Amino acid sequence: MLPKIADFGLSRCFDEKQSRAFTTNIAGTMGYLPPEFDSGTITYRFDLYSLGVIIMEILTRKRGYKAVEDILESWSIRLEQSQKDIQLKQIRVCAEIGIECMEFNPLKRPVTQHIIARLPETKDGPIEPAGTCSAGRWST
């Protein structure tokens, strides 16, 4: 079974070979559910929306959408000058990923591979892969 971040209870709707499920019951936490939740069709794009909400909450310490520039200004005040440019770049990348994940149109949300490909931008030095992903399975 693949983990689902939108609401861990929703992951029970899937077996290993499913990529979507249909439900007539609303399940999940309001605020983390994407705009299309009332259609009854659950896809992996649900999880991407929820991931975006979580990223933005971590960055802003609040619920609700903020513009990237507002987030950078808020963090700029808190950061030490010596690492400020590097840290602001990392925060910008995270905010951009969060906003992309919260795209209203589910078809315009990034795929997981795009998010993973952007993660090295959040590091200060070179990144060594901790493992590989093949056929939806992670191995170290």
N, C-alpha and C. Protein backbone atom coordinates (compact mmCIF):
# COMPACT_ATOMS: atom_id res chain seq x y z
N MET A 1 0.83 -1.17 0.00
CA MET A 1 0.00 0.00 0.00
C MET A 1 0.88 1.24 0.00
N LEU A 2 0.52 2.24 -0.78
CA LEU A 2 1.27 3.50 -0.84
C LEU A 2 0.74 4.44 0.24
N PRO A 3 1.62 5.18 0.91
CA PRO A 3 1.14 6.11 1.93
C PRO A 3 0.39 7.27 1.30
N LYS A 4 -0.64 7.75 1.97
CA LYS A 4 -1.44 8.88 1.52
C LYS A 4 -1.39 9.94 2.60
N ILE A 5 -1.00 11.13 2.25
CA ILE A 5 -0.81 12.16 3.27
C ILE A 5 -2.05 13.02 3.49
N ALA A 6 -3.00 13.02 2.56
CA ALA A 6 -4.19 13.85 2.70
C ALA A 6 -4.93 13.51 3.98
N ASP A 7 -5.10 12.28 4.23
CA ASP A 7 -5.74 11.80 5.44
C ASP A 7 -5.40 10.33 5.49
N PHE A 8 -4.65 9.93 6.49
CA PHE A 8 -4.14 8.57 6.50
C PHE A 8 -5.27 7.54 6.44
N GLY A 9 -6.46 7.91 6.86
CA GLY A 9 -7.59 7.00 6.75
C GLY A 9 -7.98 6.75 5.31
N LEU A 10 -7.75 7.72 4.43
CA LEU A 10 -8.09 7.54 3.02
C LEU A 10 -7.24 6.47 2.36
N SER A 11 -6.05 6.24 2.87
CA SER A 11 -5.18 5.24 2.26
C SER A 11 -5.78 3.85 2.35
N ARG A 12 -6.69 3.65 3.27
CA ARG A 12 -7.34 2.34 3.40
C ARG A 12 -8.27 2.06 2.22
N CYS A 13 -8.61 3.08 1.45
CA CYS A 13 -9.47 2.91 0.29
C CYS A 13 -8.74 2.25 -0.87
N PHE A 14 -7.42 2.20 -0.81
CA PHE A 14 -6.60 1.74 -1.92
C PHE A 14 -6.01 0.36 -1.63
N ASP A 15 -5.94 -0.47 -2.67
CA ASP A 15 -5.08 -1.64 -2.55
C ASP A 15 -3.84 -1.34 -3.39
N GLU A 16 -2.88 -2.25 -3.43
CA GLU A 16 -1.59 -1.97 -4.08
C GLU A 16 -1.70 -1.59 -5.55
N LYS A 17 -2.71 -2.10 -6.25
CA LYS A 17 -2.80 -1.89 -7.69
C LYS A 17 -3.72 -0.72 -8.06
N GLN A 18 -4.31 -0.07 -7.08
CA GLN A 18 -5.23 1.04 -7.36
C GLN A 18 -4.50 2.37 -7.38
N SER A 19 -4.96 3.25 -8.25
CA SER A 19 -4.43 4.61 -8.26
C SER A 19 -5.52 5.62 -7.90
N ARG A 20 -6.76 5.15 -7.80
CA ARG A 20 -7.85 6.03 -7.40
C ARG A 20 -8.94 5.21 -6.75
N ALA A 21 -9.79 5.88 -5.99
CA ALA A 21 -10.92 5.23 -5.34
C ALA A 21 -12.10 6.19 -5.40
N PHE A 22 -13.29 5.67 -5.26
CA PHE A 22 -14.50 6.49 -5.27
C PHE A 22 -15.19 6.34 -3.93
N THR A 23 -15.68 7.44 -3.41
CA THR A 23 -16.39 7.40 -2.14
C THR A 23 -17.57 8.35 -2.19
N THR A 24 -18.62 8.02 -1.46
CA THR A 24 -19.76 8.93 -1.35
C THR A 24 -19.73 9.65 -0.01
N ASN A 25 -18.81 9.25 0.86
CA ASN A 25 -18.67 9.90 2.16
C ASN A 25 -17.51 10.87 2.12
N ILE A 26 -17.69 12.02 2.75
CA ILE A 26 -16.58 12.96 2.87
C ILE A 26 -15.71 12.49 4.02
N ALA A 27 -14.44 12.24 3.72
CA ALA A 27 -13.50 11.80 4.74
C ALA A 27 -12.27 12.67 4.64
N GLY A 28 -11.82 13.17 5.75
CA GLY A 28 -10.63 14.01 5.74
C GLY A 28 -10.82 15.23 6.62
N THR A 29 -9.78 16.00 6.74
CA THR A 29 -9.80 17.18 7.58
C THR A 29 -9.98 18.41 6.70
N MET A 30 -11.03 19.18 6.97
CA MET A 30 -11.28 20.38 6.19
C MET A 30 -10.04 21.27 6.24
N GLY A 31 -9.74 21.92 5.16
CA GLY A 31 -8.55 22.75 5.08
C GLY A 31 -7.40 22.03 4.42
N TYR A 32 -7.41 20.70 4.53
CA TYR A 32 -6.36 19.89 3.90
C TYR A 32 -6.91 19.18 2.67
N LEU A 33 -8.22 19.24 2.49
CA LEU A 33 -8.85 18.59 1.34
C LEU A 33 -8.83 19.54 0.14
N PRO A 34 -8.54 19.01 -1.03
CA PRO A 34 -8.48 19.86 -2.23
C PRO A 34 -9.87 20.29 -2.68
N PRO A 35 -9.93 21.30 -3.54
CA PRO A 35 -11.22 21.80 -4.02
C PRO A 35 -12.09 20.72 -4.67
N GLU A 36 -11.48 19.71 -5.27
CA GLU A 36 -12.25 18.69 -5.98
C GLU A 36 -12.73 17.56 -5.08
N PHE A 37 -12.56 17.67 -3.76
CA PHE A 37 -12.89 16.57 -2.86
C PHE A 37 -14.35 16.16 -2.94
N ASP A 38 -15.25 17.09 -3.24
CA ASP A 38 -16.67 16.75 -3.27
C ASP A 38 -17.09 15.96 -4.50
N SER A 39 -16.15 15.76 -5.45
CA SER A 39 -16.48 14.97 -6.64
C SER A 39 -16.55 13.48 -6.32
N GLY A 40 -15.94 13.07 -5.19
CA GLY A 40 -15.95 11.66 -4.81
C GLY A 40 -14.82 10.86 -5.42
N THR A 41 -14.04 11.45 -6.32
CA THR A 41 -12.92 10.75 -6.93
C THR A 41 -11.64 11.09 -6.17
N ILE A 42 -10.98 10.07 -5.64
CA ILE A 42 -9.75 10.28 -4.88
C ILE A 42 -8.58 9.83 -5.75
N THR A 43 -7.62 10.72 -5.98
CA THR A 43 -6.41 10.37 -6.73
C THR A 43 -5.20 10.82 -5.92
N TYR A 44 -4.01 10.50 -6.41
CA TYR A 44 -2.79 10.92 -5.72
C TYR A 44 -2.70 12.44 -5.66
N ARG A 45 -3.41 13.14 -6.53
CA ARG A 45 -3.36 14.60 -6.54
C ARG A 45 -3.99 15.20 -5.28
N PHE A 46 -4.86 14.43 -4.60
CA PHE A 46 -5.38 14.83 -3.29
C PHE A 46 -4.21 15.07 -2.35
N ASP A 47 -3.32 14.09 -2.31
CA ASP A 47 -2.18 14.14 -1.40
C ASP A 47 -1.26 15.31 -1.69
N LEU A 48 -1.08 15.63 -2.97
CA LEU A 48 -0.22 16.75 -3.34
C LEU A 48 -0.80 18.06 -2.82
N TYR A 49 -2.11 18.21 -2.91
CA TYR A 49 -2.75 19.42 -2.38
C TYR A 49 -2.49 19.51 -0.88
N SER A 50 -2.71 18.42 -0.17
CA SER A 50 -2.51 18.39 1.28
C SER A 50 -1.07 18.68 1.64
N LEU A 51 -0.13 18.14 0.86
CA LEU A 51 1.28 18.41 1.08
C LEU A 51 1.55 19.91 0.96
N GLY A 52 0.97 20.55 -0.04
CA GLY A 52 1.14 21.99 -0.21
C GLY A 52 0.63 22.77 1.00
N VAL A 53 -0.53 22.37 1.52
CA VAL A 53 -1.08 23.03 2.71
C VAL A 53 -0.13 22.88 3.89
N ILE A 54 0.40 21.68 4.07
CA ILE A 54 1.32 21.42 5.19
C ILE A 54 2.61 22.24 5.03
N ILE A 55 3.17 22.28 3.83
CA ILE A 55 4.38 23.07 3.59
C ILE A 55 4.13 24.54 3.93
N MET A 56 3.01 25.07 3.48
CA MET A 56 2.72 26.48 3.74
C MET A 56 2.50 26.74 5.23
N GLU A 57 1.88 25.80 5.93
CA GLU A 57 1.70 25.96 7.38
C GLU A 57 3.04 25.95 8.10
N ILE A 58 3.95 25.10 7.66
CA ILE A 58 5.28 25.05 8.28
C ILE A 58 6.00 26.38 8.05
N LEU A 59 5.92 26.91 6.84
CA LEU A 59 6.62 28.15 6.51
C LEU A 59 6.03 29.38 7.19
N THR A 60 4.70 29.41 7.32
CA THR A 60 4.05 30.61 7.83
C THR A 60 3.59 30.49 9.27
N ARG A 61 3.57 29.28 9.79
CA ARG A 61 3.03 28.99 11.12
C ARG A 61 1.56 29.36 11.23
N LYS A 62 0.88 29.42 10.09
CA LYS A 62 -0.54 29.77 10.05
C LYS A 62 -1.23 28.95 8.97
N ARG A 63 -2.53 28.84 9.10
CA ARG A 63 -3.31 28.24 8.03
C ARG A 63 -3.63 29.31 6.99
N GLY A 64 -3.72 28.90 5.77
CA GLY A 64 -4.09 29.84 4.71
C GLY A 64 -2.93 30.16 3.79
N TYR A 65 -3.26 30.55 2.61
CA TYR A 65 -2.30 30.83 1.55
C TYR A 65 -1.62 32.18 1.78
N LYS A 66 -0.34 32.24 1.45
CA LYS A 66 0.40 33.50 1.44
C LYS A 66 1.24 33.53 0.17
N ALA A 67 1.53 34.72 -0.31
CA ALA A 67 2.39 34.87 -1.48
C ALA A 67 3.83 34.59 -1.09
N VAL A 68 4.62 34.09 -2.03
CA VAL A 68 6.03 33.76 -1.78
C VAL A 68 6.77 34.96 -1.21
N GLU A 69 6.55 36.14 -1.78
CA GLU A 69 7.27 37.34 -1.31
C GLU A 69 6.94 37.67 0.14
N ASP A 70 5.68 37.46 0.55
CA ASP A 70 5.31 37.70 1.95
C ASP A 70 6.04 36.74 2.88
N ILE A 71 6.17 35.51 2.46
CA ILE A 71 6.86 34.50 3.26
C ILE A 71 8.34 34.87 3.39
N LEU A 72 8.96 35.26 2.27
CA LEU A 72 10.38 35.63 2.29
C LEU A 72 10.62 36.84 3.18
N GLU A 73 9.74 37.81 3.12
CA GLU A 73 9.90 39.01 3.96
C GLU A 73 9.81 38.64 5.44
N SER A 74 8.85 37.80 5.77
CA SER A 74 8.69 37.37 7.16
C SER A 74 9.93 36.64 7.67
N TRP A 75 10.46 35.73 6.85
CA TRP A 75 11.64 34.96 7.26
C TRP A 75 12.90 35.82 7.25
N SER A 76 12.97 36.78 6.36
CA SER A 76 14.16 37.63 6.24
C SER A 76 14.46 38.33 7.56
N ILE A 77 13.45 38.73 8.26
CA ILE A 77 13.61 39.42 9.54
C ILE A 77 14.22 38.49 10.58
N ARG A 78 13.89 37.19 10.51
CA ARG A 78 14.31 36.23 11.54
C ARG A 78 15.68 35.60 11.31
N LEU A 79 16.18 35.64 10.10
CA LEU A 79 17.40 34.92 9.78
C LEU A 79 18.66 35.72 10.10
N GLU A 80 19.70 35.00 10.48
CA GLU A 80 21.00 35.63 10.71
C GLU A 80 21.59 36.05 9.37
N GLN A 81 22.29 37.16 9.35
CA GLN A 81 22.83 37.71 8.11
C GLN A 81 23.79 36.76 7.40
N SER A 82 24.61 36.01 8.13
CA SER A 82 25.65 35.18 7.52
C SER A 82 25.10 34.12 6.56
N GLN A 83 23.96 33.57 6.84
CA GLN A 83 23.38 32.52 6.00
C GLN A 83 22.09 32.96 5.31
N LYS A 84 21.78 34.22 5.40
CA LYS A 84 20.48 34.72 4.96
C LYS A 84 20.15 34.38 3.51
N ASP A 85 21.07 34.63 2.58
CA ASP A 85 20.79 34.40 1.16
C ASP A 85 20.51 32.93 0.87
N ILE A 86 21.32 32.05 1.43
CA ILE A 86 21.13 30.61 1.22
C ILE A 86 19.79 30.17 1.81
N GLN A 87 19.52 30.61 3.03
CA GLN A 87 18.29 30.19 3.69
C GLN A 87 17.05 30.75 3.00
N LEU A 88 17.11 31.99 2.53
CA LEU A 88 15.97 32.55 1.81
C LEU A 88 15.72 31.80 0.50
N LYS A 89 16.78 31.35 -0.17
CA LYS A 89 16.62 30.55 -1.38
C LYS A 89 15.91 29.24 -1.05
N GLN A 90 16.30 28.61 0.05
CA GLN A 90 15.67 27.37 0.47
C GLN A 90 14.19 27.59 0.78
N ILE A 91 13.90 28.67 1.47
CA ILE A 91 12.52 28.98 1.83
C ILE A 91 11.71 29.27 0.57
N ARG A 92 12.29 30.00 -0.39
CA ARG A 92 11.59 30.30 -1.65
C ARG A 92 11.22 29.00 -2.37
N VAL A 93 12.16 28.08 -2.47
CA VAL A 93 11.90 26.81 -3.16
C VAL A 93 10.76 26.06 -2.46
N CYS A 94 10.81 25.99 -1.14
CA CYS A 94 9.75 25.30 -0.39
C CYS A 94 8.40 25.98 -0.61
N ALA A 95 8.37 27.32 -0.58
CA ALA A 95 7.12 28.05 -0.80
C ALA A 95 6.59 27.81 -2.22
N GLU A 96 7.47 27.82 -3.20
CA GLU A 96 7.05 27.56 -4.58
C GLU A 96 6.46 26.16 -4.71
N ILE A 97 7.10 25.17 -4.09
CA ILE A 97 6.58 23.80 -4.12
C ILE A 97 5.21 23.76 -3.46
N GLY A 98 5.08 24.40 -2.30
CA GLY A 98 3.80 24.42 -1.59
C GLY A 98 2.70 25.03 -2.43
N ILE A 99 2.99 26.16 -3.06
CA ILE A 99 1.98 26.83 -3.88
C ILE A 99 1.63 26.00 -5.12
N GLU A 100 2.62 25.38 -5.75
CA GLU A 100 2.36 24.51 -6.90
C GLU A 100 1.45 23.35 -6.49
N CYS A 101 1.69 22.79 -5.32
CA CYS A 101 0.88 21.66 -4.85
C CYS A 101 -0.56 22.07 -4.55
N MET A 102 -0.76 23.34 -4.20
CA MET A 102 -2.10 23.83 -3.87
C MET A 102 -2.84 24.38 -5.08
N GLU A 103 -2.32 24.14 -6.27
CA GLU A 103 -2.97 24.60 -7.51
C GLU A 103 -4.43 24.13 -7.51
N PHE A 104 -5.35 25.05 -7.84
CA PHE A 104 -6.78 24.73 -7.85
C PHE A 104 -7.09 23.60 -8.82
N ASN A 105 -6.51 23.66 -10.02
CA ASN A 105 -6.73 22.62 -11.03
C ASN A 105 -5.82 21.43 -10.71
N PRO A 106 -6.38 20.28 -10.36
CA PRO A 106 -5.54 19.14 -9.99
C PRO A 106 -4.59 18.69 -11.10
N LEU A 107 -4.96 18.90 -12.35
CA LEU A 107 -4.09 18.48 -13.46
C LEU A 107 -2.86 19.36 -13.58
N LYS A 108 -2.88 20.55 -12.97
CA LYS A 108 -1.72 21.45 -13.01
C LYS A 108 -0.81 21.28 -11.79
N ARG A 109 -1.20 20.43 -10.84
CA ARG A 109 -0.33 20.19 -9.69
C ARG A 109 0.88 19.38 -10.14
N PRO A 110 2.02 19.59 -9.50
CA PRO A 110 3.23 18.87 -9.93
C PRO A 110 3.12 17.38 -9.62
N VAL A 111 3.84 16.59 -10.37
CA VAL A 111 3.94 15.16 -10.05
C VAL A 111 5.02 15.00 -8.98
N THR A 112 4.98 13.91 -8.29
CA THR A 112 5.92 13.66 -7.19
C THR A 112 7.36 13.77 -7.65
N GLN A 113 7.67 13.27 -8.83
CA GLN A 113 9.04 13.32 -9.35
C GLN A 113 9.54 14.76 -9.48
N HIS A 114 8.65 15.67 -9.85
CA HIS A 114 9.02 17.09 -9.96
C HIS A 114 9.40 17.64 -8.58
N ILE A 115 8.63 17.30 -7.57
CA ILE A 115 8.92 17.77 -6.21
C ILE A 115 10.25 17.21 -5.74
N ILE A 116 10.46 15.93 -5.95
CA ILE A 116 11.72 15.29 -5.55
C ILE A 116 12.90 15.93 -6.27
N ALA A 117 12.71 16.25 -7.55
CA ALA A 117 13.79 16.87 -8.33
C ALA A 117 14.14 18.26 -7.81
N ARG A 118 13.19 18.94 -7.18
CA ARG A 118 13.45 20.29 -6.65
C ARG A 118 14.07 20.27 -5.26
N LEU A 119 13.97 19.17 -4.55
CA LEU A 119 14.49 19.12 -3.18
C LEU A 119 15.97 19.45 -3.06
N PRO A 120 16.82 19.05 -4.01
CA PRO A 120 18.24 19.44 -3.88
C PRO A 120 18.45 20.95 -3.81
N GLU A 121 17.51 21.73 -4.34
CA GLU A 121 17.62 23.19 -4.28
C GLU A 121 17.51 23.71 -2.85
N THR A 122 17.02 22.88 -1.93
CA THR A 122 16.86 23.30 -0.54
C THR A 122 18.08 22.97 0.30
N LYS A 123 19.07 22.34 -0.30
CA LYS A 123 20.29 21.98 0.43
C LYS A 123 21.40 22.96 0.14
N ASP A 124 22.30 23.12 1.12
CA ASP A 124 23.43 24.03 0.97
C ASP A 124 24.58 23.38 0.21
N GLY A 125 24.75 22.08 0.36
CA GLY A 125 25.86 21.37 -0.27
C GLY A 125 25.35 20.26 -1.17
N PRO A 126 26.27 19.44 -1.70
CA PRO A 126 25.85 18.33 -2.57
C PRO A 126 25.02 17.31 -1.81
N ILE A 127 24.11 16.68 -2.50
CA ILE A 127 23.23 15.68 -1.89
C ILE A 127 23.56 14.31 -2.44
N GLU A 128 23.73 13.38 -1.56
CA GLU A 128 23.93 11.99 -1.95
C GLU A 128 22.59 11.28 -1.82
N PRO A 129 22.16 10.54 -2.83
CA PRO A 129 20.88 9.83 -2.72
C PRO A 129 20.93 8.79 -1.61
N ALA A 130 19.84 8.73 -0.85
CA ALA A 130 19.76 7.76 0.25
C ALA A 130 19.28 6.41 -0.25
N GLY A 131 18.84 6.33 -1.48
CA GLY A 131 18.34 5.08 -2.04
C GLY A 131 17.82 5.35 -3.44
N THR A 132 17.08 4.40 -3.96
CA THR A 132 16.50 4.55 -5.29
C THR A 132 15.03 4.17 -5.24
N CYS A 133 14.28 4.71 -6.19
CA CYS A 133 12.87 4.41 -6.30
C CYS A 133 12.64 3.75 -7.65
N SER A 134 12.04 2.57 -7.62
CA SER A 134 11.75 1.85 -8.85
C SER A 134 10.39 1.19 -8.72
N ALA A 135 9.56 1.36 -9.71
CA ALA A 135 8.22 0.76 -9.73
C ALA A 135 7.44 1.10 -8.46
N GLY A 136 7.60 2.34 -7.99
CA GLY A 136 6.86 2.78 -6.82
C GLY A 136 7.38 2.26 -5.49
N ARG A 137 8.52 1.61 -5.49
CA ARG A 137 9.10 1.06 -4.26
C ARG A 137 10.44 1.74 -3.97
N TRP A 138 10.67 2.09 -2.72
CA TRP A 138 11.91 2.74 -2.31
C TRP A 138 12.86 1.70 -1.74
N SER A 139 14.11 1.73 -2.16
CA SER A 139 15.10 0.80 -1.60
C SER A 139 16.38 1.56 -1.28
N THR A 140 17.07 1.12 -0.24
CA THR A 140 18.31 1.78 0.18
C THR A 140 19.50 0.90 -0.12
